[in-house]
Amino acid sequence: MSRALVEKIKKQREVTVKIGKFTFTARRPTDVEAISLHRSDGAYSAISADYVTNWSGVTEDDVIGGGSADPLTWHPDLWREWCADRPDFWGPISEAVLESYRVHASRMEDAAKN
């Protein structure tokens, strides 16, 4: 039962970001992570690399050019390498991640008032 609840909590943190033909699944930072982000420089490149947890619509050809057109299975190390060379991803992903936290924080604040 505990594992199932952990998975439900993680699922509630998910946010979807569409960039062109790609769809990325990212996660909202936890409150602990948000504090760390607030204290750091909050670089969009790092947020994008750290908070994306899956993708769809990505092929080898997209990642390396001249590769297969078959869909690639998600792998975090591959994502970090590819993301490092895709600054066009950093803004949209980071903004979605940060906005998902702002919405969460607002909901928690509203709940505390009631």
Protein backbone atom coordinates (compact mmCIF):
# COMPACT_ATOMS: atom_id res chain seq x y z
CA MET A 1 0.00 0.00 0.00
CA SER A 2 2.80 2.47 0.85
CA ARG A 3 4.43 2.08 -2.57
CA ALA A 4 1.10 2.75 -4.26
CA LEU A 5 0.66 5.94 -2.24
CA VAL A 6 4.16 7.11 -3.10
CA GLU A 7 3.37 6.61 -6.78
CA LYS A 8 0.12 8.59 -6.40
CA ILE A 9 1.99 11.46 -4.77
CA LYS A 10 4.54 11.47 -7.58
CA LYS A 11 1.78 11.35 -10.21
CA GLN A 12 0.14 14.41 -8.66
CA ARG A 13 3.37 16.35 -9.17
CA GLU A 14 3.54 15.68 -12.91
CA VAL A 15 3.31 18.44 -15.48
CA THR A 16 3.30 18.01 -19.25
CA VAL A 17 5.27 20.32 -21.52
CA LYS A 18 4.84 20.27 -25.29
CA ILE A 19 7.63 21.74 -27.38
CA GLY A 20 7.10 21.28 -31.09
CA LYS A 21 6.59 17.58 -31.78
CA PHE A 22 7.99 16.57 -28.38
CA THR A 23 6.09 16.00 -25.16
CA PHE A 24 8.03 16.06 -21.92
CA THR A 25 6.80 14.94 -18.54
CA ALA A 26 8.33 16.92 -15.73
CA ARG A 27 7.61 17.05 -12.06
CA ARG A 28 6.81 19.83 -9.71
CA PRO A 29 9.51 20.44 -7.11
CA THR A 30 8.72 19.37 -3.59
CA ASP A 31 8.68 22.09 -0.94
CA VAL A 32 12.19 21.04 0.12
CA GLU A 33 13.44 21.28 -3.47
CA ALA A 34 11.71 24.64 -3.97
CA ILE A 35 13.63 26.07 -1.02
CA SER A 36 16.89 24.86 -2.57
CA LEU A 37 15.93 26.30 -5.96
CA HIS A 38 15.11 29.62 -4.33
CA ARG A 39 18.55 29.70 -2.69
CA SER A 40 20.37 28.69 -5.88
CA ASP A 41 20.71 30.60 -9.12
CA GLY A 42 17.78 28.55 -10.47
CA ALA A 43 19.45 28.05 -13.83
CA TYR A 44 16.92 26.99 -16.42
CA SER A 45 19.38 24.48 -17.85
CA ALA A 46 19.64 22.70 -14.48
CA ILE A 47 15.90 22.78 -13.83
CA SER A 48 15.23 21.28 -17.25
CA ALA A 49 17.85 18.58 -16.79
CA ASP A 50 16.76 17.70 -13.25
CA TYR A 51 12.96 17.77 -13.39
CA VAL A 52 12.08 16.05 -16.68
CA THR A 53 11.13 12.44 -15.98
CA ASN A 54 9.92 11.14 -19.35
CA TRP A 55 9.30 12.03 -22.97
CA SER A 56 7.33 11.02 -26.01
CA GLY A 57 7.88 11.75 -29.67
CA VAL A 58 11.68 11.60 -29.39
CA THR A 59 13.71 9.55 -31.87
CA GLU A 60 17.39 8.79 -32.28
CA ASP A 61 17.35 11.06 -35.32
CA ASP A 62 16.14 13.93 -33.11
CA VAL A 63 18.94 13.34 -30.63
CA ILE A 64 21.93 12.71 -32.90
CA GLY A 65 20.76 13.49 -36.42
CA GLY A 66 20.89 10.79 -39.07
CA GLY A 67 19.75 8.11 -36.63
CA SER A 68 16.72 5.87 -36.54
CA ALA A 69 13.21 7.28 -36.73
CA ASP A 70 12.02 4.78 -34.11
CA PRO A 71 10.84 6.22 -30.80
CA LEU A 72 13.50 6.27 -28.11
CA THR A 73 12.88 4.88 -24.66
CA TRP A 74 13.36 7.43 -21.90
CA HIS A 75 16.70 7.37 -20.15
CA PRO A 76 17.76 10.12 -17.71
CA ASP A 77 21.43 10.12 -18.77
CA LEU A 78 20.46 10.48 -22.42
CA TRP A 79 18.08 13.27 -21.50
CA ARG A 80 20.77 15.19 -19.61
CA GLU A 81 23.20 14.94 -22.53
CA TRP A 82 20.62 15.97 -25.12
CA CYS A 83 19.14 18.70 -22.95
CA ALA A 84 22.58 20.25 -22.42
CA ASP A 85 22.65 21.11 -26.14
CA ARG A 86 19.02 22.26 -26.40
CA PRO A 87 18.66 25.70 -24.83
CA ASP A 88 15.37 26.04 -26.72
CA PHE A 89 13.96 23.49 -24.24
CA TRP A 90 15.20 25.19 -21.07
CA GLY A 91 12.77 28.11 -20.88
CA PRO A 92 9.49 26.31 -21.62
CA ILE A 93 10.31 23.36 -19.36
CA SER A 94 11.61 25.48 -16.49
CA GLU A 95 8.67 27.88 -16.64
CA ALA A 96 6.22 24.97 -16.54
CA VAL A 97 8.04 23.38 -13.60
CA LEU A 98 8.20 26.64 -11.65
CA GLU A 99 4.58 27.52 -12.44
CA SER A 100 3.46 24.10 -11.23
CA TYR A 101 5.16 24.87 -7.92
CA ARG A 102 3.56 28.33 -7.70
CA VAL A 103 0.12 26.75 -8.21
CA HIS A 104 0.88 24.12 -5.56
CA ALA A 105 2.09 26.73 -3.06
CA SER A 106 -1.00 28.85 -3.67
CA ARG A 107 -3.28 25.87 -3.07
CA MET A 108 -1.47 25.03 0.16
CA GLU A 109 -1.75 28.64 1.30
CA ASP A 110 -5.47 28.70 0.51
CA ALA A 111 -6.00 25.43 2.36
CA ALA A 112 -4.20 26.77 5.42
CA LYS A 113 -6.54 29.78 5.50
CA ASN A 114 -9.65 27.59 5.63
